[in-house]
Amino acid sequence: MYVEERLAQLENVTSGHGKQIEMVADGLASLTNRVDLGFKEVREEFGKVDRRFAQLEGKVGRIEIKLTEHDERFDRIDQRFEQVDKRFEQIGEQFVQLHGVLTELVTLVKNKL
């Protein structure tokens, strides 16, 4: 009878271990599914980030083109201002000459009076 009792105890222990192994296997399967799902979500988010960066790179490229265009426009405006400044200098010189002529005329008129 001792062997039968020991055999029954061994069956109980083995059955308990089997249940524990099943619980660990179920937990491991659940954990694996959660990890797989987590990695899938992370890959999806990285994909979204990559797409967003691609969009931003396109926008930055367009901004750089616009800035270049504005720089060219400002250069043309600067050239025009330089031309206007030269014209004002010429007009100023002409005023000086005109003032000189008017001064001479006034002097001549005063001398004749």
N, C-alpha and C. Protein backbone atom coordinates (compact mmCIF):
# COMPACT_ATOMS: atom_id res chain seq x y z
N MET A 1 0.79 -1.17 0.00
CA MET A 1 0.00 0.00 0.00
C MET A 1 0.86 1.28 0.00
N TYR A 2 1.98 1.16 0.57
CA TYR A 2 2.89 2.30 0.60
C TYR A 2 3.21 2.77 -0.81
N VAL A 3 3.42 1.85 -1.72
CA VAL A 3 3.74 2.21 -3.11
C VAL A 3 2.54 2.88 -3.76
N GLU A 4 1.35 2.38 -3.46
CA GLU A 4 0.16 2.98 -4.05
C GLU A 4 -0.04 4.40 -3.54
N GLU A 5 0.22 4.62 -2.26
CA GLU A 5 0.10 5.97 -1.71
C GLU A 5 1.12 6.90 -2.34
N ARG A 6 2.33 6.39 -2.46
CA ARG A 6 3.39 7.21 -3.06
C ARG A 6 3.06 7.50 -4.52
N LEU A 7 2.50 6.51 -5.19
CA LEU A 7 2.11 6.70 -6.59
C LEU A 7 1.00 7.72 -6.69
N ALA A 8 0.05 7.71 -5.79
CA ALA A 8 -1.05 8.67 -5.77
C ALA A 8 -0.51 10.07 -5.48
N GLN A 9 0.43 10.16 -4.53
CA GLN A 9 1.05 11.46 -4.23
C GLN A 9 1.80 11.99 -5.46
N LEU A 10 2.50 11.07 -6.10
CA LEU A 10 3.26 11.46 -7.30
C LEU A 10 2.32 11.93 -8.40
N GLU A 11 1.19 11.28 -8.55
CA GLU A 11 0.20 11.71 -9.55
C GLU A 11 -0.34 13.09 -9.19
N ASN A 12 -0.63 13.30 -7.91
CA ASN A 12 -1.12 14.63 -7.48
C ASN A 12 -0.08 15.73 -7.74
N VAL A 13 1.17 15.43 -7.40
CA VAL A 13 2.24 16.40 -7.62
C VAL A 13 2.41 16.65 -9.12
N THR A 14 2.40 15.57 -9.89
CA THR A 14 2.55 15.71 -11.34
C THR A 14 1.40 16.49 -11.93
N SER A 15 0.19 16.23 -11.46
CA SER A 15 -0.99 16.96 -11.93
C SER A 15 -0.86 18.44 -11.57
N GLY A 16 -0.41 18.74 -10.36
CA GLY A 16 -0.21 20.13 -9.93
C GLY A 16 0.85 20.82 -10.78
N HIS A 17 1.93 20.08 -11.05
CA HIS A 17 2.99 20.65 -11.89
C HIS A 17 2.48 20.90 -13.31
N GLY A 18 1.67 19.99 -13.78
CA GLY A 18 1.09 20.15 -15.13
C GLY A 18 0.23 21.40 -15.21
N LYS A 19 -0.57 21.62 -14.14
CA LYS A 19 -1.41 22.82 -14.11
C LYS A 19 -0.54 24.07 -14.05
N GLN A 20 0.53 24.00 -13.26
CA GLN A 20 1.43 25.15 -13.18
C GLN A 20 2.11 25.41 -14.53
N ILE A 21 2.51 24.34 -15.18
CA ILE A 21 3.15 24.48 -16.49
C ILE A 21 2.17 25.09 -17.48
N GLU A 22 0.91 24.64 -17.43
CA GLU A 22 -0.12 25.21 -18.30
C GLU A 22 -0.32 26.69 -18.01
N MET A 23 -0.35 27.06 -16.72
CA MET A 23 -0.53 28.46 -16.36
C MET A 23 0.65 29.30 -16.87
N VAL A 24 1.85 28.77 -16.71
CA VAL A 24 3.03 29.50 -17.18
C VAL A 24 2.98 29.61 -18.70
N ALA A 25 2.60 28.53 -19.38
CA ALA A 25 2.51 28.55 -20.85
C ALA A 25 1.44 29.54 -21.31
N ASP A 26 0.29 29.56 -20.64
CA ASP A 26 -0.76 30.51 -21.00
C ASP A 26 -0.28 31.95 -20.76
N GLY A 27 0.36 32.17 -19.61
CA GLY A 27 0.89 33.50 -19.31
C GLY A 27 1.94 33.91 -20.33
N LEU A 28 2.82 32.99 -20.71
CA LEU A 28 3.86 33.28 -21.70
C LEU A 28 3.23 33.58 -23.06
N ALA A 29 2.20 32.82 -23.44
CA ALA A 29 1.51 33.06 -24.71
C ALA A 29 0.84 34.44 -24.68
N SER A 30 0.19 34.76 -23.56
CA SER A 30 -0.45 36.07 -23.44
C SER A 30 0.58 37.18 -23.50
N LEU A 31 1.68 37.00 -22.78
CA LEU A 31 2.75 38.00 -22.80
C LEU A 31 3.33 38.15 -24.20
N THR A 32 3.53 37.04 -24.89
CA THR A 32 4.05 37.09 -26.26
C THR A 32 3.12 37.87 -27.16
N ASN A 33 1.81 37.62 -27.03
CA ASN A 33 0.83 38.35 -27.84
C ASN A 33 0.88 39.84 -27.53
N ARG A 34 0.97 40.18 -26.25
CA ARG A 34 1.03 41.59 -25.86
C ARG A 34 2.31 42.26 -26.40
N VAL A 35 3.42 41.55 -26.29
CA VAL A 35 4.68 42.10 -26.80
C VAL A 35 4.61 42.27 -28.31
N ASP A 36 4.08 41.25 -29.01
CA ASP A 36 3.94 41.35 -30.47
C ASP A 36 3.04 42.54 -30.84
N LEU A 37 1.94 42.69 -30.13
CA LEU A 37 1.04 43.80 -30.38
C LEU A 37 1.74 45.14 -30.10
N GLY A 38 2.49 45.18 -29.00
CA GLY A 38 3.22 46.40 -28.65
C GLY A 38 4.24 46.76 -29.72
N PHE A 39 4.99 45.77 -30.21
CA PHE A 39 5.97 46.04 -31.27
C PHE A 39 5.28 46.46 -32.56
N LYS A 40 4.13 45.86 -32.84
CA LYS A 40 3.38 46.25 -34.03
C LYS A 40 2.96 47.71 -33.92
N GLU A 41 2.44 48.09 -32.76
CA GLU A 41 2.02 49.48 -32.54
C GLU A 41 3.22 50.43 -32.64
N VAL A 42 4.35 50.03 -32.09
CA VAL A 42 5.56 50.86 -32.16
C VAL A 42 5.99 51.02 -33.62
N ARG A 43 5.97 49.93 -34.39
CA ARG A 43 6.34 50.02 -35.82
C ARG A 43 5.38 50.94 -36.57
N GLU A 44 4.09 50.85 -36.25
CA GLU A 44 3.11 51.73 -36.89
C GLU A 44 3.38 53.19 -36.54
N GLU A 45 3.68 53.45 -35.28
CA GLU A 45 3.97 54.83 -34.85
C GLU A 45 5.24 55.35 -35.52
N PHE A 46 6.26 54.50 -35.61
CA PHE A 46 7.48 54.91 -36.30
C PHE A 46 7.19 55.19 -37.78
N GLY A 47 6.30 54.39 -38.35
CA GLY A 47 5.90 54.65 -39.74
C GLY A 47 5.23 56.01 -39.87
N LYS A 48 4.36 56.34 -38.92
CA LYS A 48 3.70 57.65 -38.93
C LYS A 48 4.74 58.76 -38.79
N VAL A 49 5.68 58.57 -37.88
CA VAL A 49 6.73 59.57 -37.67
C VAL A 49 7.55 59.74 -38.95
N ASP A 50 7.90 58.62 -39.58
CA ASP A 50 8.67 58.70 -40.83
C ASP A 50 7.90 59.45 -41.91
N ARG A 51 6.61 59.16 -42.02
CA ARG A 51 5.80 59.88 -43.01
C ARG A 51 5.72 61.36 -42.70
N ARG A 52 5.59 61.68 -41.41
CA ARG A 52 5.53 63.09 -40.99
C ARG A 52 6.85 63.81 -41.30
N PHE A 53 7.96 63.13 -41.04
CA PHE A 53 9.26 63.72 -41.37
C PHE A 53 9.37 63.95 -42.88
N ALA A 54 8.87 63.01 -43.66
CA ALA A 54 8.91 63.18 -45.12
C ALA A 54 8.10 64.41 -45.53
N GLN A 55 6.93 64.58 -44.92
CA GLN A 55 6.12 65.76 -45.22
C GLN A 55 6.85 67.04 -44.82
N LEU A 56 7.46 67.01 -43.64
CA LEU A 56 8.18 68.19 -43.16
C LEU A 56 9.37 68.51 -44.06
N GLU A 57 10.06 67.47 -44.52
CA GLU A 57 11.19 67.70 -45.43
C GLU A 57 10.71 68.36 -46.71
N GLY A 58 9.55 67.93 -47.21
CA GLY A 58 8.98 68.57 -48.40
C GLY A 58 8.66 70.03 -48.14
N LYS A 59 8.07 70.31 -46.98
CA LYS A 59 7.72 71.69 -46.64
C LYS A 59 8.98 72.54 -46.47
N VAL A 60 9.99 71.97 -45.83
CA VAL A 60 11.26 72.70 -45.65
C VAL A 60 11.87 73.01 -47.02
N GLY A 61 11.79 72.06 -47.93
CA GLY A 61 12.30 72.29 -49.28
C GLY A 61 11.58 73.45 -49.96
N ARG A 62 10.27 73.48 -49.83
CA ARG A 62 9.50 74.57 -50.43
C ARG A 62 9.83 75.90 -49.76
N ILE A 63 10.02 75.88 -48.45
CA ILE A 63 10.38 77.11 -47.73
C ILE A 63 11.75 77.60 -48.20
N GLU A 64 12.69 76.69 -48.38
CA GLU A 64 14.01 77.09 -48.86
C GLU A 64 13.92 77.74 -50.24
N ILE A 65 13.08 77.18 -51.09
CA ILE A 65 12.90 77.76 -52.44
C ILE A 65 12.32 79.17 -52.30
N LYS A 66 11.31 79.32 -51.45
CA LYS A 66 10.70 80.64 -51.26
C LYS A 66 11.72 81.64 -50.71
N LEU A 67 12.53 81.21 -49.75
CA LEU A 67 13.54 82.10 -49.19
C LEU A 67 14.54 82.53 -50.26
N THR A 68 14.92 81.61 -51.11
CA THR A 68 15.84 81.94 -52.20
C THR A 68 15.19 82.96 -53.13
N GLU A 69 13.92 82.75 -53.45
CA GLU A 69 13.21 83.70 -54.30
C GLU A 69 13.14 85.08 -53.64
N HIS A 70 12.87 85.12 -52.34
CA HIS A 70 12.81 86.40 -51.63
C HIS A 70 14.18 87.07 -51.60
N ASP A 71 15.23 86.28 -51.40
CA ASP A 71 16.58 86.84 -51.42
C ASP A 71 16.87 87.50 -52.76
N GLU A 72 16.46 86.84 -53.84
CA GLU A 72 16.69 87.39 -55.18
C GLU A 72 15.90 88.69 -55.35
N ARG A 73 14.66 88.70 -54.86
CA ARG A 73 13.84 89.92 -54.95
C ARG A 73 14.48 91.05 -54.14
N PHE A 74 14.95 90.75 -52.94
CA PHE A 74 15.59 91.78 -52.12
C PHE A 74 16.86 92.31 -52.81
N ASP A 75 17.59 91.42 -53.47
CA ASP A 75 18.78 91.88 -54.20
C ASP A 75 18.38 92.86 -55.30
N ARG A 76 17.29 92.53 -56.03
CA ARG A 76 16.83 93.44 -57.09
C ARG A 76 16.36 94.77 -56.49
N ILE A 77 15.68 94.72 -55.36
CA ILE A 77 15.21 95.95 -54.69
C ILE A 77 16.42 96.78 -54.26
N ASP A 78 17.44 96.12 -53.71
CA ASP A 78 18.65 96.85 -53.32
C ASP A 78 19.29 97.55 -54.52
N GLN A 79 19.32 96.86 -55.65
CA GLN A 79 19.88 97.47 -56.86
C GLN A 79 19.06 98.70 -57.28
N ARG A 80 17.75 98.57 -57.19
CA ARG A 80 16.88 99.71 -57.55
C ARG A 80 17.11 100.89 -56.60
N PHE A 81 17.26 100.61 -55.30
CA PHE A 81 17.52 101.68 -54.35
C PHE A 81 18.86 102.36 -54.66
N GLU A 82 19.84 101.58 -55.05
CA GLU A 82 21.13 102.17 -55.41
C GLU A 82 20.97 103.10 -56.62
N GLN A 83 20.16 102.67 -57.59
CA GLN A 83 19.91 103.52 -58.76
C GLN A 83 19.18 104.80 -58.34
N VAL A 84 18.20 104.67 -57.47
CA VAL A 84 17.46 105.85 -57.00
C VAL A 84 18.40 106.78 -56.24
N ASP A 85 19.27 106.22 -55.41
CA ASP A 85 20.24 107.06 -54.68
C ASP A 85 21.13 107.83 -55.64
N LYS A 86 21.58 107.17 -56.71
CA LYS A 86 22.42 107.86 -57.71
C LYS A 86 21.64 108.98 -58.38
N ARG A 87 20.37 108.73 -58.68
CA ARG A 87 19.54 109.76 -59.29
C ARG A 87 19.36 110.96 -58.35
N PHE A 88 19.14 110.69 -57.07
CA PHE A 88 19.01 111.78 -56.09
C PHE A 88 20.32 112.58 -56.01
N GLU A 89 21.43 111.89 -56.07
CA GLU A 89 22.71 112.60 -56.04
C GLU A 89 22.84 113.51 -57.26
N GLN A 90 22.42 113.00 -58.43
CA GLN A 90 22.47 113.82 -59.65
C GLN A 90 21.55 115.03 -59.52
N ILE A 91 20.35 114.78 -58.99
CA ILE A 91 19.39 115.89 -58.82
C ILE A 91 19.97 116.91 -57.84
N GLY A 92 20.60 116.43 -56.78
CA GLY A 92 21.23 117.34 -55.82
C GLY A 92 22.30 118.18 -56.48
N GLU A 93 23.11 117.57 -57.32
CA GLU A 93 24.14 118.32 -58.05
C GLU A 93 23.50 119.35 -58.97
N GLN A 94 22.40 118.97 -59.62
CA GLN A 94 21.72 119.91 -60.51
C GLN A 94 21.15 121.08 -59.72
N PHE A 95 20.63 120.81 -58.51
CA PHE A 95 20.13 121.89 -57.67
C PHE A 95 21.26 122.85 -57.28
N VAL A 96 22.41 122.29 -56.98
CA VAL A 96 23.55 123.13 -56.63
C VAL A 96 23.92 124.02 -57.81
N GLN A 97 23.95 123.42 -59.00
CA GLN A 97 24.26 124.20 -60.20
C GLN A 97 23.19 125.27 -60.45
N LEU A 98 21.93 124.88 -60.30
CA LEU A 98 20.83 125.81 -60.50
C LEU A 98 20.91 126.96 -59.48
N HIS A 99 21.24 126.62 -58.26
CA HIS A 99 21.38 127.64 -57.22
C HIS A 99 22.50 128.63 -57.60
N GLY A 100 23.57 128.07 -58.12
CA GLY A 100 24.67 128.94 -58.55
C GLY A 100 24.25 129.87 -59.66
N VAL A 101 23.50 129.36 -60.62
CA VAL A 101 23.03 130.18 -61.73
C VAL A 101 22.07 131.23 -61.21
N LEU A 102 21.15 130.84 -60.34
CA LEU A 102 20.19 131.80 -59.78
C LEU A 102 20.91 132.88 -58.97
N THR A 103 21.92 132.48 -58.23
CA THR A 103 22.69 133.46 -57.46
C THR A 103 23.35 134.46 -58.38
N GLU A 104 23.91 133.99 -59.49
CA GLU A 104 24.54 134.88 -60.46
C GLU A 104 23.51 135.84 -61.07
N LEU A 105 22.32 135.28 -61.38
CA LEU A 105 21.27 136.12 -61.96
C LEU A 105 20.82 137.20 -60.98
N VAL A 106 20.62 136.82 -59.73
CA VAL A 106 20.21 137.78 -58.71
C VAL A 106 21.29 138.85 -58.58
N THR A 107 22.53 138.42 -58.56
CA THR A 107 23.63 139.40 -58.45
C THR A 107 23.63 140.34 -59.64
N LEU A 108 23.43 139.84 -60.84
CA LEU A 108 23.41 140.68 -62.05
C LEU A 108 22.24 141.67 -61.99
N VAL A 109 21.06 141.16 -61.55
CA VAL A 109 19.89 142.01 -61.47
C VAL A 109 20.11 143.11 -60.45
N LYS A 110 20.69 142.78 -59.31
CA LYS A 110 20.95 143.77 -58.27
C LYS A 110 21.96 144.84 -58.76
N ASN A 111 22.94 144.37 -59.50
CA ASN A 111 23.95 145.31 -60.00
C ASN A 111 23.36 146.26 -61.03
N LYS A 112 22.37 145.83 -61.79
CA LYS A 112 21.76 146.68 -62.81
C LYS A 112 20.77 147.65 -62.20
N LEU A 113 20.27 147.34 -61.05
CA LEU A 113 19.30 148.23 -60.42
C LEU A 113 20.02 149.29 -59.72
